[in-house]
């Protein structure tokens, strides 16, 4: 089965490959970040792939150090061909 890399963008547009995901298979993504005046310019990412332990990537840099409020949430592809996302069970909630 074909694989695709899951990337994070670091400051300066450098890309860092985090994990290979199987095309056509479900996987879980969890993103945790702080917002507001006391927020840090990082987020934590957890990827859970089928039949594998969760992979945790702590303190990944936000694209902008000024990110303190969420105004928009979207899912984008930078592919050079048609792409499809199947998204299920989205939850946005505060954590304490």
C-alpha atoms as a PDB file:
ATOM      1  CA  UNK A   1       0.000   0.000   0.000  1.00  0.00           C
ATOM      2  CA  UNK A   2       1.259   3.491  -0.858  1.00  0.00           C
ATOM      3  CA  UNK A   3       2.628   5.774   1.849  1.00  0.00           C
ATOM      4  CA  UNK A   4       2.824   9.525   2.268  1.00  0.00           C
ATOM      5  CA  UNK A   5       4.930  11.517   4.700  1.00  0.00           C
ATOM      6  CA  UNK A   6       3.380  13.617   7.443  1.00  0.00           C
ATOM      7  CA  UNK A   7       5.374  16.848   7.747  1.00  0.00           C
ATOM      8  CA  UNK A   8       5.714  19.785  10.067  1.00  0.00           C
ATOM      9  CA  UNK A   9       6.842  23.181   8.863  1.00  0.00           C
ATOM     10  CA  UNK A  10       9.556  24.801  10.878  1.00  0.00           C
ATOM     11  CA  UNK A  11      10.468  28.464  10.831  1.00  0.00           C
ATOM     12  CA  UNK A  12      12.119  29.437   7.594  1.00  0.00           C
ATOM     13  CA  UNK A  13       9.883  27.043   5.575  1.00  0.00           C
ATOM     14  CA  UNK A  14      12.076  24.044   6.346  1.00  0.00           C
ATOM     15  CA  UNK A  15      10.064  20.834   6.347  1.00  0.00           C
ATOM     16  CA  UNK A  16      10.676  17.974   8.720  1.00  0.00           C
ATOM     17  CA  UNK A  17       9.232  14.513   8.010  1.00  0.00           C
ATOM     18  CA  UNK A  18       7.577  13.118  11.134  1.00  0.00           C
ATOM     19  CA  UNK A  19       6.009   9.824  10.095  1.00  0.00           C
ATOM     20  CA  UNK A  20       4.871   7.835   7.076  1.00  0.00           C
ATOM     21  CA  UNK A  21       1.114   7.278   6.883  1.00  0.00           C
ATOM     22  CA  UNK A  22      -0.645   4.719   4.706  1.00  0.00           C
ATOM     23  CA  UNK A  23      -2.832   6.195   1.990  1.00  0.00           C
ATOM     24  CA  UNK A  24      -6.388   4.960   2.394  1.00  0.00           C
ATOM     25  CA  UNK A  25      -6.037   4.024   6.084  1.00  0.00           C
ATOM     26  CA  UNK A  26      -7.491   5.930   9.031  1.00  0.00           C
ATOM     27  CA  UNK A  27      -5.165   7.404  11.602  1.00  0.00           C
ATOM     28  CA  UNK A  28      -5.655   9.685  14.584  1.00  0.00           C
ATOM     29  CA  UNK A  29      -4.185  13.165  14.921  1.00  0.00           C
ATOM     30  CA  UNK A  30      -4.174  15.076  18.209  1.00  0.00           C
ATOM     31  CA  UNK A  31      -2.881  18.642  18.369  1.00  0.00           C
ATOM     32  CA  UNK A  32      -2.519  20.467  21.673  1.00  0.00           C
ATOM     33  CA  UNK A  33      -1.504  24.095  21.841  1.00  0.00           C
ATOM     34  CA  UNK A  34      -1.858  26.926  24.285  1.00  0.00           C
ATOM     35  CA  UNK A  35      -3.672  30.119  23.329  1.00  0.00           C
ATOM     36  CA  UNK A  36      -3.954  33.543  24.898  1.00  0.00           C
ATOM     37  CA  UNK A  37      -1.501  35.896  26.537  1.00  0.00           C
ATOM     38  CA  UNK A  38       0.454  33.116  28.264  1.00  0.00           C
ATOM     39  CA  UNK A  39       0.751  30.869  25.197  1.00  0.00           C
ATOM     40  CA  UNK A  40       4.027  29.438  23.960  1.00  0.00           C
ATOM     41  CA  UNK A  41       4.976  29.455  20.266  1.00  0.00           C
ATOM     42  CA  UNK A  42       4.810  25.648  20.081  1.00  0.00           C
ATOM     43  CA  UNK A  43       2.317  22.796  19.848  1.00  0.00           C
ATOM     44  CA  UNK A  44       2.339  19.087  20.643  1.00  0.00           C
ATOM     45  CA  UNK A  45       1.368  16.572  17.975  1.00  0.00           C
ATOM     46  CA  UNK A  46       0.383  12.949  18.566  1.00  0.00           C
ATOM     47  CA  UNK A  47      -0.063  10.579  15.608  1.00  0.00           C
ATOM     48  CA  UNK A  48      -1.678   7.192  16.169  1.00  0.00           C
ATOM     49  CA  UNK A  49      -1.320   4.912  13.175  1.00  0.00           C
ATOM     50  CA  UNK A  50      -3.115   1.559  12.738  1.00  0.00           C
ATOM     51  CA  UNK A  51      -1.600  -1.249  14.855  1.00  0.00           C
ATOM     52  CA  UNK A  52       1.184   1.028  16.136  1.00  0.00           C
ATOM     53  CA  UNK A  53       1.913   2.891  19.341  1.00  0.00           C
ATOM     54  CA  UNK A  54       1.215   6.596  19.351  1.00  0.00           C
ATOM     55  CA  UNK A  55       4.086   8.796  18.206  1.00  0.00           C
ATOM     56  CA  UNK A  56       4.379  12.016  20.203  1.00  0.00           C
ATOM     57  CA  UNK A  57       6.142  15.084  18.827  1.00  0.00           C
ATOM     58  CA  UNK A  58       6.358  17.667  21.619  1.00  0.00           C
ATOM     59  CA  UNK A  59       7.048  21.389  21.287  1.00  0.00           C
ATOM     60  CA  UNK A  60       6.891  21.696  17.498  1.00  0.00           C
ATOM     61  CA  UNK A  61       7.258  25.353  16.484  1.00  0.00           C
ATOM     62  CA  UNK A  62       4.184  27.271  15.380  1.00  0.00           C
ATOM     63  CA  UNK A  63       4.503  28.848  11.967  1.00  0.00           C
ATOM     64  CA  UNK A  64       4.212  32.241  13.655  1.00  0.00           C
ATOM     65  CA  UNK A  65       5.481  33.120  17.120  1.00  0.00           C
ATOM     66  CA  UNK A  66       2.567  35.594  17.318  1.00  0.00           C
ATOM     67  CA  UNK A  67      -0.081  32.821  17.150  1.00  0.00           C
ATOM     68  CA  UNK A  68      -2.208  33.322  20.273  1.00  0.00           C
ATOM     69  CA  UNK A  69      -5.789  33.012  18.952  1.00  0.00           C
ATOM     70  CA  UNK A  70      -7.531  30.549  16.638  1.00  0.00           C
ATOM     71  CA  UNK A  71      -9.543  32.390  13.992  1.00  0.00           C
ATOM     72  CA  UNK A  72      -9.744  29.697  11.323  1.00  0.00           C
ATOM     73  CA  UNK A  73      -9.216  25.944  11.073  1.00  0.00           C
ATOM     74  CA  UNK A  74      -8.744  24.309   7.682  1.00  0.00           C
ATOM     75  CA  UNK A  75      -7.296  21.248   6.017  1.00  0.00           C
ATOM     76  CA  UNK A  76      -5.046  21.809   3.017  1.00  0.00           C
ATOM     77  CA  UNK A  77      -3.145  19.715   0.549  1.00  0.00           C
ATOM     78  CA  UNK A  78      -0.007  20.885  -1.202  1.00  0.00           C
ATOM     79  CA  UNK A  79      -0.222  18.016  -3.708  1.00  0.00           C
ATOM     80  CA  UNK A  80       0.264  18.594  -7.423  1.00  0.00           C
ATOM     81  CA  UNK A  81      -2.772  16.384  -8.159  1.00  0.00           C
ATOM     82  CA  UNK A  82      -6.315  15.934  -6.847  1.00  0.00           C
ATOM     83  CA  UNK A  83      -6.438  15.060  -3.164  1.00  0.00           C
ATOM     84  CA  UNK A  84      -9.241  13.899  -0.881  1.00  0.00           C
ATOM     85  CA  UNK A  85      -9.465  14.154   2.902  1.00  0.00           C
ATOM     86  CA  UNK A  86     -11.871  12.043   4.931  1.00  0.00           C
ATOM     87  CA  UNK A  87     -12.255  13.733   8.305  1.00  0.00           C
ATOM     88  CA  UNK A  88     -14.267  12.392  11.211  1.00  0.00           C
ATOM     89  CA  UNK A  89     -14.843  13.256  14.885  1.00  0.00           C
ATOM     90  CA  UNK A  90     -13.325  16.741  15.078  1.00  0.00           C
ATOM     91  CA  UNK A  91     -13.347  18.214  18.585  1.00  0.00           C
ATOM     92  CA  UNK A  92     -12.153  21.684  19.565  1.00  0.00           C
ATOM     93  CA  UNK A  93     -12.077  22.171  23.289  1.00  0.00           C
ATOM     94  CA  UNK A  94     -10.162  23.971  25.983  1.00  0.00           C
ATOM     95  CA  UNK A  95      -7.782  21.976  28.130  1.00  0.00           C
ATOM     96  CA  UNK A  96      -6.685  22.928  31.590  1.00  0.00           C
END
